[in-house]
Amino acid sequence: MKTNAIQTKISLLLPLFLLVVLAGCEKKYQEPDHYAVDLFKDERQKGKAYIMNEEECFDGSELVIASSNVKLADSSKGRGKTFFLYKVRSGKVMKTIRDSVVDYPFMFLSDQRLKLKSDSIYLYLKKLEGYRFIAAERNLKYKWLKAAPVYSVKKDK
């Protein structure tokens, strides 16, 4: 009878004892950032995007066209990765690396929505890489130069 009473007390106290032991063995999580050293903290600026000037855009492009006939043709907003398709009806080639003749009208792709102006603007384009299916379907060869804004053509007097 005594052994039965002792076994009952042990079976009641054992789960309580395990809870106390497990609560006492709690390991505190150390943040990995606590030990990290930021080697580029002076170079990082939050909220400021890099915008190229006209010379950098001209040097970094494979094709530069001055045109006033640029229209937004299509966009994929809301259908996966956002991109915009622009149609150029006419223009004057200012710089080219690959093609000596550009057939008009043609289309190009941009990852950002361009702020088109009513007067002539420079189009800074690079060879399109990726976008295999849309490039084949729409006959795209060029992409807008990343970090390039829209610059107006300056008229010499």
C-alpha atoms as a PDB file:
ATOM      1  CA  MET A   1       0.000   0.000   0.000  1.00  0.00           C
ATOM      2  CA  LYS A   2       2.840   2.359   0.864  1.00  0.00           C
ATOM      3  CA  THR A   3       4.617   1.719  -2.437  1.00  0.00           C
ATOM      4  CA  ASN A   4       1.427   2.437  -4.294  1.00  0.00           C
ATOM      5  CA  ALA A   5       1.045   5.808  -2.491  1.00  0.00           C
ATOM      6  CA  ILE A   6       4.689   6.673  -3.164  1.00  0.00           C
ATOM      7  CA  GLN A   7       4.307   5.846  -6.876  1.00  0.00           C
ATOM      8  CA  THR A   8       1.226   8.069  -7.086  1.00  0.00           C
ATOM      9  CA  LYS A   9       3.082  11.006  -5.465  1.00  0.00           C
ATOM     10  CA  ILE A  10       6.073  10.484  -7.791  1.00  0.00           C
ATOM     11  CA  SER A  11       3.839  10.337 -10.865  1.00  0.00           C
ATOM     12  CA  LEU A  12       2.242  13.663  -9.807  1.00  0.00           C
ATOM     13  CA  LEU A  13       5.491  15.405  -8.878  1.00  0.00           C
ATOM     14  CA  LEU A  14       7.560  14.185 -11.857  1.00  0.00           C
ATOM     15  CA  PRO A  15       5.797  16.360 -14.523  1.00  0.00           C
ATOM     16  CA  LEU A  16       5.978  19.362 -12.182  1.00  0.00           C
ATOM     17  CA  PHE A  17       9.700  18.753 -11.625  1.00  0.00           C
ATOM     18  CA  LEU A  18      10.304  18.469 -15.408  1.00  0.00           C
ATOM     19  CA  LEU A  19       8.510  21.802 -16.029  1.00  0.00           C
ATOM     20  CA  VAL A  20      10.703  23.534 -13.446  1.00  0.00           C
ATOM     21  CA  VAL A  21      13.888  22.058 -14.946  1.00  0.00           C
ATOM     22  CA  LEU A  22      12.918  22.948 -18.536  1.00  0.00           C
ATOM     23  CA  ALA A  23      11.970  26.509 -17.592  1.00  0.00           C
ATOM     24  CA  GLY A  24      15.308  26.978 -15.837  1.00  0.00           C
ATOM     25  CA  CYS A  25      17.263  25.785 -18.897  1.00  0.00           C
ATOM     26  CA  GLU A  26      15.888  28.440 -21.252  1.00  0.00           C
ATOM     27  CA  LYS A  27      18.576  29.691 -23.644  1.00  0.00           C
ATOM     28  CA  LYS A  28      18.363  33.309 -24.695  1.00  0.00           C
ATOM     29  CA  TYR A  29      18.661  33.990 -28.427  1.00  0.00           C
ATOM     30  CA  GLN A  30      21.590  36.205 -29.379  1.00  0.00           C
ATOM     31  CA  GLU A  31      20.979  38.484 -32.378  1.00  0.00           C
ATOM     32  CA  PRO A  32      23.350  37.839 -35.269  1.00  0.00           C
ATOM     33  CA  ASP A  33      23.496  41.591 -35.950  1.00  0.00           C
ATOM     34  CA  HIS A  34      25.010  42.055 -32.515  1.00  0.00           C
ATOM     35  CA  TYR A  35      28.230  40.455 -33.753  1.00  0.00           C
ATOM     36  CA  ALA A  36      28.158  41.753 -37.349  1.00  0.00           C
ATOM     37  CA  VAL A  37      30.547  44.465 -38.521  1.00  0.00           C
ATOM     38  CA  ASP A  38      29.323  46.685 -41.359  1.00  0.00           C
ATOM     39  CA  LEU A  39      32.308  47.327 -43.618  1.00  0.00           C
ATOM     40  CA  PHE A  40      30.386  49.648 -45.962  1.00  0.00           C
ATOM     41  CA  LYS A  41      28.429  51.768 -43.485  1.00  0.00           C
ATOM     42  CA  ASP A  42      29.814  55.031 -44.900  1.00  0.00           C
ATOM     43  CA  GLU A  43      28.889  54.109 -48.481  1.00  0.00           C
ATOM     44  CA  ARG A  44      25.289  53.127 -47.794  1.00  0.00           C
ATOM     45  CA  GLN A  45      22.653  55.848 -48.014  1.00  0.00           C
ATOM     46  CA  LYS A  46      19.041  54.966 -47.399  1.00  0.00           C
ATOM     47  CA  GLY A  47      16.346  56.519 -49.558  1.00  0.00           C
ATOM     48  CA  LYS A  48      18.676  58.003 -52.179  1.00  0.00           C
ATOM     49  CA  ALA A  49      18.780  56.469 -55.638  1.00  0.00           C
ATOM     50  CA  TYR A  50      21.739  57.053 -57.921  1.00  0.00           C
ATOM     51  CA  ILE A  51      20.862  59.152 -60.973  1.00  0.00           C
ATOM     52  CA  MET A  52      23.311  59.342 -63.857  1.00  0.00           C
ATOM     53  CA  ASN A  53      24.209  62.631 -65.492  1.00  0.00           C
ATOM     54  CA  GLU A  54      24.004  63.135 -69.276  1.00  0.00           C
ATOM     55  CA  GLU A  55      27.637  62.221 -69.967  1.00  0.00           C
ATOM     56  CA  GLU A  56      27.451  58.993 -67.958  1.00  0.00           C
ATOM     57  CA  CYS A  57      24.223  58.033 -69.725  1.00  0.00           C
ATOM     58  CA  PHE A  58      25.734  58.733 -73.137  1.00  0.00           C
ATOM     59  CA  ASP A  59      28.915  56.748 -72.345  1.00  0.00           C
ATOM     60  CA  GLY A  60      27.033  53.803 -70.804  1.00  0.00           C
ATOM     61  CA  SER A  61      24.553  53.391 -73.670  1.00  0.00           C
ATOM     62  CA  GLU A  62      24.890  51.266 -76.771  1.00  0.00           C
ATOM     63  CA  LEU A  63      22.283  53.279 -78.659  1.00  0.00           C
ATOM     64  CA  VAL A  64      21.307  56.917 -78.114  1.00  0.00           C
ATOM     65  CA  ILE A  65      18.392  58.398 -80.044  1.00  0.00           C
ATOM     66  CA  ALA A  66      16.927  61.907 -79.967  1.00  0.00           C
ATOM     67  CA  SER A  67      13.194  61.648 -80.529  1.00  0.00           C
ATOM     68  CA  SER A  68       9.914  63.401 -79.873  1.00  0.00           C
ATOM     69  CA  ASN A  69       7.731  60.486 -81.008  1.00  0.00           C
ATOM     70  CA  VAL A  70       7.851  58.194 -77.963  1.00  0.00           C
ATOM     71  CA  LYS A  71       4.670  56.691 -76.526  1.00  0.00           C
ATOM     72  CA  LEU A  72       3.881  54.153 -73.808  1.00  0.00           C
ATOM     73  CA  ALA A  73       2.632  51.095 -75.708  1.00  0.00           C
ATOM     74  CA  ASP A  74       2.018  48.542 -72.940  1.00  0.00           C
ATOM     75  CA  SER A  75       2.832  47.681 -69.332  1.00  0.00           C
ATOM     76  CA  SER A  76       2.818  44.576 -67.188  1.00  0.00           C
ATOM     77  CA  LYS A  77       1.809  46.322 -63.993  1.00  0.00           C
ATOM     78  CA  GLY A  78       0.001  43.844 -61.757  1.00  0.00           C
ATOM     79  CA  ARG A  79       1.029  40.798 -63.818  1.00  0.00           C
ATOM     80  CA  GLY A  80       4.270  39.700 -62.141  1.00  0.00           C
ATOM     81  CA  LYS A  81       7.484  41.672 -62.593  1.00  0.00           C
ATOM     82  CA  THR A  82       6.631  45.236 -63.631  1.00  0.00           C
ATOM     83  CA  PHE A  83       7.976  46.531 -66.934  1.00  0.00           C
ATOM     84  CA  PHE A  84       6.900  49.073 -69.522  1.00  0.00           C
ATOM     85  CA  LEU A  85       7.043  48.916 -73.325  1.00  0.00           C
ATOM     86  CA  TYR A  86       7.617  52.124 -75.269  1.00  0.00           C
ATOM     87  CA  LYS A  87       7.215  52.666 -78.992  1.00  0.00           C
ATOM     88  CA  VAL A  88       9.500  55.004 -80.930  1.00  0.00           C
ATOM     89  CA  ARG A  89       8.090  56.124 -84.284  1.00  0.00           C
ATOM     90  CA  SER A  90      10.975  58.301 -85.477  1.00  0.00           C
ATOM     91  CA  GLY A  91      14.186  59.863 -84.265  1.00  0.00           C
ATOM     92  CA  LYS A  92      17.776  60.766 -84.951  1.00  0.00           C
ATOM     93  CA  VAL A  93      20.567  58.340 -84.013  1.00  0.00           C
ATOM     94  CA  MET A  94      23.184  60.129 -81.902  1.00  0.00           C
ATOM     95  CA  LYS A  95      25.360  57.132 -80.982  1.00  0.00           C
ATOM     96  CA  THR A  96      25.391  53.466 -81.943  1.00  0.00           C
ATOM     97  CA  ILE A  97      27.688  50.539 -81.251  1.00  0.00           C
ATOM     98  CA  ARG A  98      25.971  47.586 -82.897  1.00  0.00           C
ATOM     99  CA  ASP A  99      23.550  48.798 -85.567  1.00  0.00           C
ATOM    100  CA  SER A 100      24.360  51.427 -88.152  1.00  0.00           C
ATOM    101  CA  VAL A 101      20.715  51.670 -89.250  1.00  0.00           C
ATOM    102  CA  VAL A 102      17.695  51.642 -86.935  1.00  0.00           C
ATOM    103  CA  ASP A 103      14.344  50.580 -88.401  1.00  0.00           C
ATOM    104  CA  TYR A 104      11.385  52.671 -87.240  1.00  0.00           C
ATOM    105  CA  PRO A 105       8.992  52.117 -85.570  1.00  0.00           C
ATOM    106  CA  PHE A 106      10.595  49.955 -82.901  1.00  0.00           C
ATOM    107  CA  MET A 107       9.878  49.179 -79.257  1.00  0.00           C
ATOM    108  CA  PHE A 108      12.064  49.078 -76.170  1.00  0.00           C
ATOM    109  CA  LEU A 109      11.533  47.833 -72.619  1.00  0.00           C
ATOM    110  CA  SER A 110      11.987  49.754 -69.373  1.00  0.00           C
ATOM    111  CA  ASP A 111      11.853  48.571 -65.749  1.00  0.00           C
ATOM    112  CA  GLN A 112      10.669  52.000 -64.648  1.00  0.00           C
ATOM    113  CA  ARG A 113       7.947  54.296 -65.905  1.00  0.00           C
ATOM    114  CA  LEU A 114       9.551  57.143 -67.829  1.00  0.00           C
ATOM    115  CA  LYS A 115       8.450  60.744 -67.413  1.00  0.00           C
ATOM    116  CA  LEU A 116       8.060  61.566 -71.088  1.00  0.00           C
ATOM    117  CA  LYS A 117       8.128  65.199 -72.118  1.00  0.00           C
ATOM    118  CA  SER A 118       6.324  66.877 -75.003  1.00  0.00           C
ATOM    119  CA  ASP A 119       9.565  68.056 -76.632  1.00  0.00           C
ATOM    120  CA  SER A 120      12.457  65.940 -77.927  1.00  0.00           C
ATOM    121  CA  ILE A 121      14.204  63.667 -75.445  1.00  0.00           C
ATOM    122  CA  TYR A 122      17.265  61.434 -75.464  1.00  0.00           C
ATOM    123  CA  LEU A 123      16.680  57.682 -75.337  1.00  0.00           C
ATOM    124  CA  TYR A 124      19.550  55.842 -73.642  1.00  0.00           C
ATOM    125  CA  LEU A 125      19.302  52.177 -74.634  1.00  0.00           C
ATOM    126  CA  LYS A 126      21.284  48.984 -74.058  1.00  0.00           C
ATOM    127  CA  LYS A 127      20.971  45.530 -75.590  1.00  0.00           C
ATOM    128  CA  LEU A 128      18.075  43.595 -74.064  1.00  0.00           C
ATOM    129  CA  GLU A 129      19.121  40.633 -71.932  1.00  0.00           C
ATOM    130  CA  GLY A 130      16.551  38.278 -70.470  1.00  0.00           C
ATOM    131  CA  TYR A 131      12.799  38.641 -71.123  1.00  0.00           C
ATOM    132  CA  ARG A 132      13.088  35.881 -73.734  1.00  0.00           C
ATOM    133  CA  PHE A 133       9.387  35.343 -74.389  1.00  0.00           C
ATOM    134  CA  ILE A 134       8.266  38.975 -74.513  1.00  0.00           C
ATOM    135  CA  ALA A 135      11.319  39.864 -76.641  1.00  0.00           C
ATOM    136  CA  ALA A 136      10.427  37.227 -79.224  1.00  0.00           C
ATOM    137  CA  GLU A 137       6.732  38.131 -79.222  1.00  0.00           C
ATOM    138  CA  ARG A 138       7.206  41.913 -79.519  1.00  0.00           C
ATOM    139  CA  ASN A 139      10.514  41.891 -81.465  1.00  0.00           C
ATOM    140  CA  LEU A 140      12.374  43.777 -78.712  1.00  0.00           C
ATOM    141  CA  LYS A 141      16.117  44.386 -79.015  1.00  0.00           C
ATOM    142  CA  TYR A 142      16.750  47.207 -76.547  1.00  0.00           C
ATOM    143  CA  LYS A 143      16.217  48.082 -72.912  1.00  0.00           C
ATOM    144  CA  TRP A 144      16.315  51.462 -71.154  1.00  0.00           C
ATOM    145  CA  LEU A 145      19.630  52.157 -69.391  1.00  0.00           C
ATOM    146  CA  LYS A 146      19.128  51.597 -65.668  1.00  0.00           C
ATOM    147  CA  ALA A 147      19.528  54.714 -63.460  1.00  0.00           C
ATOM    148  CA  ALA A 148      19.203  56.997 -66.486  1.00  0.00           C
ATOM    149  CA  PRO A 149      16.586  59.763 -66.246  1.00  0.00           C
ATOM    150  CA  VAL A 150      14.825  61.377 -69.185  1.00  0.00           C
ATOM    151  CA  TYR A 151      16.820  64.331 -70.529  1.00  0.00           C
ATOM    152  CA  SER A 152      15.457  66.877 -72.984  1.00  0.00           C
ATOM    153  CA  VAL A 153      17.380  67.623 -76.169  1.00  0.00           C
ATOM    154  CA  LYS A 154      19.058  71.018 -75.868  1.00  0.00           C
ATOM    155  CA  LYS A 155      18.657  73.177 -78.929  1.00  0.00           C
ATOM    156  CA  ASP A 156      21.758  75.112 -80.017  1.00  0.00           C
ATOM    157  CA  LYS A 157      21.084  78.730 -80.967  1.00  0.00           C
END
